[in-house]
Every structure is written in structure tokens, then in C-alpha cells.
């Protein structure tokens, strides 16, 4: 079964322009993501999908595989779709381009459920939240799931909401389990083709989370719990922090 990893990368980030080319401990961020992704034991090929010649040239220069895509895409998933629609494969992994030290084992964790069970088409990761500030951070997406680890909902808000606590300072994270969504997706190619042709959904538009389009479509998303979080770089301060670590 052929499995392809796609790293969507665009230059025009609103908070951190040129993000894929910024140096992380001496290497462009996109190179670090690519090299980590290549260490996956299950992914056969890794391809960068970009709409910018500077990123394209950078990937070529370090010997990576890269494809130019349209500048009109609304999301990274749309960019992934353009690349894989003409590639023969069964499973596609959407790998975030701003996580330079992504753990290759997490990529394999996301893929494994699709190899073991053909009854669903999408899988993703979550990690336990241990800090209240992360729970309250709208940039860190939370997820709740059922007893079979299928996602019930994703939100930027604190979910589930515990009525026993009237403010964030009294929340007990040892008593209640909260999970952060790790933005790594594995899809069966056939479903990704369907998903990319769906219109933006109601909940997706409110929360600005495209995985809600999948749930609103009636599709299941398998959630795999990992103990290894992945640090994403969204701001200049994030970049400074990760270069100090």
C-alpha cells in the first residue's frame, strides 16, 4: 500500500511572512520538516507542495521533492489535493510545514489506524493538556472523542466545559482530561478527493477549523493519543524560543 506525505508550504503567512524559509538552528524550517518526515517508517514518499518560487528553489537546493501548485488555494488541504489527485497512492498524510521537529513516530501513529481498519477514512492525533494556559489558548485546538476514540467535536474553546469550576484558576487538569489536537491528518485518498470538493461548512466557518467540515459531512475521524507534542512556529517569539531550546 503506497503512502505519500505532503507538506503544504506557502510564503505569505500573515503573522510570520516567509515562514518556511526562516532558519531554525541553521536550516530552513521547510528542510527540517522534510527531513523529519522522511524518517517515517510507513511513508513511502514526501513531497513539498508550494505556490512560491523561493520555497520551490530552496527545496530543490537541499535535494527534496517539490511541486508547484496554484496560488488560489484556501487551505493547505486544497494544496495537498492538487498534488495527490494525479499520484497513485492509497493513503495521504497532510504534514504541517511549521513543525520543524515533528516526531516521525507521530506520522506513523496517524497512519496505523487506516492500515488496521478500513471502516473509516481519516485519522489524526491528540495529546493530553497539562497546562491551563494551553487549555485557554484559542490557538490550541481542543478535541473530545467517544469511547472508541472517534472525534465528537473540535473547538478553540475549552471543551468539555466543567460546571464544577467557575474560572480557569480552579480547574483541575489531573482530575479532568483535556486534549489538544495535533494537526497531522492521514486520509484515504478517495475520501480526500471527496472532502476537497465539499463546500465550507457552517461550524467550520464559525471556528475556522476545516476538520469540522469532515464531521459535518458525517465522516468519522479516528483520534490517536500520543505523548509527544509537536511545537509549531506561528510567531517571531516562537521562532526565538525554539532556537534557544
Protein backbone atom coordinates (compact mmCIF):
# COMPACT_ATOMS: atom_id res chain seq x y z
CA UNK A 1 0.00 0.00 0.00
CA UNK A 2 1.58 3.28 -1.11
CA UNK A 3 1.55 6.13 1.41
CA UNK A 4 2.53 9.68 0.46
CA UNK A 5 3.28 12.55 2.81
CA UNK A 6 2.54 16.07 1.56
CA UNK A 7 3.89 19.20 3.25
CA UNK A 8 1.91 22.27 2.13
CA UNK A 9 4.07 25.40 2.35
CA UNK A 10 3.17 28.97 1.46
CA UNK A 11 5.24 32.12 1.74
CA UNK A 12 2.59 34.70 2.64
CA UNK A 13 1.84 33.89 6.28
CA UNK A 14 0.01 36.82 7.89
CA UNK A 15 1.79 36.52 11.25
CA UNK A 16 5.20 35.36 10.04
CA UNK A 17 5.88 36.07 6.34
CA UNK A 18 8.32 33.73 4.65
CA UNK A 19 7.95 31.22 7.48
CA UNK A 20 9.08 28.08 5.58
CA UNK A 21 12.41 29.73 4.75
CA UNK A 22 13.22 31.04 8.22
CA UNK A 23 16.29 29.44 9.76
CA UNK A 24 15.80 27.02 12.62
CA UNK A 25 19.18 26.18 14.11
CA UNK A 26 20.89 26.91 10.81
CA UNK A 27 18.48 25.19 8.42
CA UNK A 28 15.35 26.48 6.65
CA UNK A 29 12.23 25.37 8.51
CA UNK A 30 10.86 23.53 5.48
CA UNK A 31 14.07 21.48 5.26
CA UNK A 32 13.79 20.40 8.89
CA UNK A 33 10.14 19.36 8.42
CA UNK A 34 11.05 17.46 5.25
CA UNK A 35 14.00 15.65 6.82
CA UNK A 36 11.97 14.64 9.89
CA UNK A 37 9.11 13.40 7.71
CA UNK A 38 11.48 11.26 5.64
CA UNK A 39 12.32 9.33 8.81
CA UNK A 40 8.79 7.90 8.95
CA UNK A 41 8.80 4.11 8.64
CA UNK A 42 5.46 3.96 6.83
CA UNK A 43 5.52 6.90 4.39
CA UNK A 44 6.98 5.99 1.00
CA UNK A 45 7.38 9.46 -0.50
CA UNK A 46 7.45 13.00 0.91
CA UNK A 47 6.59 15.98 -1.31
CA UNK A 48 6.51 19.71 -0.56
CA UNK A 49 3.54 21.50 -2.15
CA UNK A 50 4.09 25.23 -2.61
CA UNK A 51 2.97 28.21 -4.68
CA UNK A 52 6.19 30.19 -4.26
CA UNK A 53 9.35 30.00 -6.37
CA UNK A 54 11.58 30.82 -3.40
CA UNK A 55 10.31 27.82 -1.45
CA UNK A 56 10.47 25.67 -4.58
CA UNK A 57 14.12 26.59 -5.17
CA UNK A 58 15.00 26.05 -1.51
CA UNK A 59 13.60 22.50 -1.52
CA UNK A 60 15.35 21.71 -4.78
CA UNK A 61 18.64 23.00 -3.36
CA UNK A 62 18.60 20.63 -0.39
CA UNK A 63 17.58 17.71 -2.62
CA UNK A 64 13.92 17.43 -1.66
CA UNK A 65 10.92 16.66 -3.86
CA UNK A 66 8.66 19.65 -4.52
CA UNK A 67 5.67 20.52 -6.70
CA UNK A 68 4.37 23.96 -7.69
CA UNK A 69 0.66 24.48 -7.04
CA UNK A 70 -1.97 27.15 -7.64
CA UNK A 71 -1.89 30.42 -5.68
CA UNK A 72 -5.70 30.32 -5.32
CA UNK A 73 -5.99 27.62 -2.66
CA UNK A 74 -7.94 28.46 0.51
CA UNK A 75 -6.15 25.93 2.70
CA UNK A 76 -3.23 23.56 2.92
CA UNK A 77 -5.59 20.63 2.34
CA UNK A 78 -6.60 22.08 -1.02
CA UNK A 79 -2.92 22.31 -1.91
CA UNK A 80 -2.43 18.68 -0.88
CA UNK A 81 -5.37 17.66 -3.06
CA UNK A 82 -3.89 19.31 -6.15
CA UNK A 83 -0.68 17.32 -5.74
CA UNK A 84 -2.08 13.89 -4.95
CA UNK A 85 -5.01 13.76 -7.37
CA UNK A 86 -2.65 12.56 -10.11
CA UNK A 87 -0.46 10.36 -7.89
CA UNK A 88 -1.10 6.65 -7.46
CA UNK A 89 -1.40 6.05 -3.73
CA UNK A 90 -3.89 4.78 -1.15
CA UNK A 91 -3.13 6.94 1.90
CA UNK A 92 -2.14 10.61 2.09
CA UNK A 93 -0.62 12.30 5.12
CA UNK A 94 -1.05 16.07 5.47
CA UNK A 95 2.07 17.19 7.37
CA UNK A 96 2.18 20.68 8.86
CA UNK A 97 5.01 22.77 7.41
CA UNK A 98 5.63 24.80 10.57
CA UNK A 99 6.66 21.98 12.93
CA UNK A 100 10.42 21.64 12.29
CA UNK A 101 10.97 18.94 14.90
CA UNK A 102 7.93 16.80 14.21
CA UNK A 103 8.40 13.28 15.57
CA UNK A 104 8.40 10.71 12.71
CA UNK A 105 6.75 8.25 15.11
CA UNK A 106 3.73 10.57 15.27
CA UNK A 107 3.35 10.33 11.50
CA UNK A 108 3.30 6.55 11.77
CA UNK A 109 0.81 6.72 14.68
CA UNK A 110 -1.58 8.70 12.49
CA UNK A 111 -1.27 6.26 9.58
CA UNK A 112 -1.55 2.99 11.53
CA UNK A 113 -5.33 3.06 12.18
CA UNK A 114 -6.04 3.29 8.45
CA UNK A 115 -3.87 0.24 7.84
CA UNK A 116 -5.64 -1.81 10.51
CA UNK A 117 -9.28 -0.85 9.91
CA UNK A 118 -10.96 0.03 6.61
CA UNK A 119 -14.24 1.18 8.19
CA UNK A 120 -13.17 4.86 8.37
CA UNK A 121 -11.19 7.24 6.17
CA UNK A 122 -9.49 9.85 8.37
CA UNK A 123 -7.25 9.72 11.42
CA UNK A 124 -5.42 12.34 13.46
CA UNK A 125 -3.58 12.83 16.76
CA UNK A 126 -4.20 14.39 20.17
CA UNK A 127 -2.04 15.00 23.22
CA UNK A 128 -3.11 15.50 26.85
CA UNK A 129 -3.16 19.11 28.02
CA UNK A 130 -1.20 19.68 31.23
CA UNK A 131 -1.23 23.48 31.43
CA UNK A 132 -4.31 25.65 32.00
CA UNK A 133 -2.87 28.36 29.73
CA UNK A 134 -2.85 25.86 26.85
CA UNK A 135 -6.45 24.92 27.57
CA UNK A 136 -7.49 28.58 27.41
CA UNK A 137 -5.40 29.42 24.33
CA UNK A 138 -7.69 29.78 21.30
CA UNK A 139 -4.77 28.96 19.00
CA UNK A 140 -4.52 25.50 20.56
CA UNK A 141 -7.44 23.43 19.28
CA UNK A 142 -9.15 21.08 21.68
CA UNK A 143 -10.84 17.78 20.84
CA UNK A 144 -13.32 15.47 22.58
CA UNK A 145 -13.95 11.90 21.45
CA UNK A 146 -16.14 8.89 22.19
CA UNK A 147 -15.23 5.58 23.86
CA UNK A 148 -13.91 4.26 20.54
CA UNK A 149 -11.70 7.33 20.08
CA UNK A 150 -13.73 8.85 17.28
CA UNK A 151 -13.87 12.65 17.40
CA UNK A 152 -17.10 14.21 18.62
CA UNK A 153 -16.02 17.82 18.22
CA UNK A 154 -13.04 20.15 17.79
CA UNK A 155 -13.03 23.66 19.22
CA UNK A 156 -10.85 26.63 20.01
CA UNK A 157 -12.80 26.89 23.27
CA UNK A 158 -12.34 24.83 26.41
CA UNK A 159 -14.13 21.53 25.85
CA UNK A 160 -15.57 19.83 27.77
CA UNK A 161 -16.79 22.71 29.93
CA UNK A 162 -16.81 21.75 33.63
CA UNK A 163 -19.58 23.46 35.62
CA UNK A 164 -17.89 22.48 38.87
CA UNK A 165 -15.27 25.16 38.25
CA UNK A 166 -16.21 28.80 37.83
CA UNK A 167 -12.89 30.05 36.43
CA UNK A 168 -9.68 28.80 34.87
CA UNK A 169 -7.67 29.21 38.09
CA UNK A 170 -9.61 26.45 39.82
CA UNK A 171 -9.52 23.90 37.01
CA UNK A 172 -8.05 20.54 38.00
CA UNK A 173 -6.24 19.07 35.00
CA UNK A 174 -5.31 15.98 37.00
CA UNK A 175 -8.96 15.18 37.67
CA UNK A 176 -10.31 16.01 34.21
CA UNK A 177 -8.74 15.01 30.92
CA UNK A 178 -8.43 17.66 28.24
CA UNK A 179 -6.81 17.00 24.89
CA UNK A 180 -5.13 19.25 22.35
CA UNK A 181 -5.49 18.37 18.70
CA UNK A 182 -2.20 17.76 16.94
CA UNK A 183 -2.72 18.98 13.36
CA UNK A 184 -1.50 15.93 11.49
CA UNK A 185 -4.00 14.10 9.28
CA UNK A 186 -3.94 10.79 7.44
CA UNK A 187 -6.62 10.28 4.75
CA UNK A 188 -7.60 7.59 2.37
CA UNK A 189 -7.01 9.22 -0.99
CA UNK A 190 -10.56 8.55 -2.20
CA UNK A 191 -12.07 10.40 0.75
CA UNK A 192 -9.64 13.33 0.44
CA UNK A 193 -10.86 13.80 -3.13
CA UNK A 194 -14.43 13.99 -1.82
CA UNK A 195 -13.54 16.27 1.09
CA UNK A 196 -11.74 18.77 -1.12
CA UNK A 197 -14.86 19.22 -3.23
CA UNK A 198 -17.17 19.91 -0.28
CA UNK A 199 -18.23 23.49 0.43
CA UNK A 200 -17.05 25.21 3.61
CA UNK A 201 -19.43 24.05 6.33
CA UNK A 202 -21.35 26.02 8.96
CA UNK A 203 -19.28 25.01 12.00
CA UNK A 204 -16.04 25.20 10.04
CA UNK A 205 -16.81 28.80 9.14
CA UNK A 206 -17.50 29.72 12.78
CA UNK A 207 -14.48 28.05 14.38
CA UNK A 208 -12.20 28.36 11.35
CA UNK A 209 -11.35 24.67 11.66
CA UNK A 210 -11.63 22.67 8.45
CA UNK A 211 -11.76 19.31 10.25
CA UNK A 212 -15.29 20.26 11.30
CA UNK A 213 -16.27 20.02 7.63
CA UNK A 214 -15.40 16.33 7.85
CA UNK A 215 -17.62 15.79 10.89
CA UNK A 216 -20.47 17.77 9.37
CA UNK A 217 -20.15 15.58 6.29
CA UNK A 218 -20.97 12.63 8.54
CA UNK A 219 -17.48 11.16 8.30
CA UNK A 220 -15.63 9.71 11.30
CA UNK A 221 -12.21 10.91 12.43
CA UNK A 222 -10.17 8.44 14.46
CA UNK A 223 -8.17 10.12 17.23
CA UNK A 224 -4.88 8.54 18.30
CA UNK A 225 -3.42 9.68 21.62
CA UNK A 226 0.28 10.48 21.59
CA UNK A 227 2.56 11.52 24.43
CA UNK A 228 4.78 13.52 22.10
CA UNK A 229 3.57 17.02 21.33
CA UNK A 230 4.85 18.92 18.31
CA UNK A 231 5.95 22.53 18.64
CA UNK A 232 4.62 24.74 15.85
CA UNK A 233 6.12 28.11 14.90
CA UNK A 234 3.46 30.77 14.36
CA UNK A 235 5.15 33.96 15.59
CA UNK A 236 8.57 35.56 15.84
CA UNK A 237 8.66 34.76 19.56
CA UNK A 238 8.00 31.07 18.77
CA UNK A 239 10.99 31.11 16.42
CA UNK A 240 13.23 32.74 19.03
CA UNK A 241 12.11 30.22 21.63
CA UNK A 242 12.72 27.12 19.54
CA UNK A 243 16.18 28.39 18.54
CA UNK A 244 17.06 28.61 22.25
CA UNK A 245 15.82 25.14 23.15
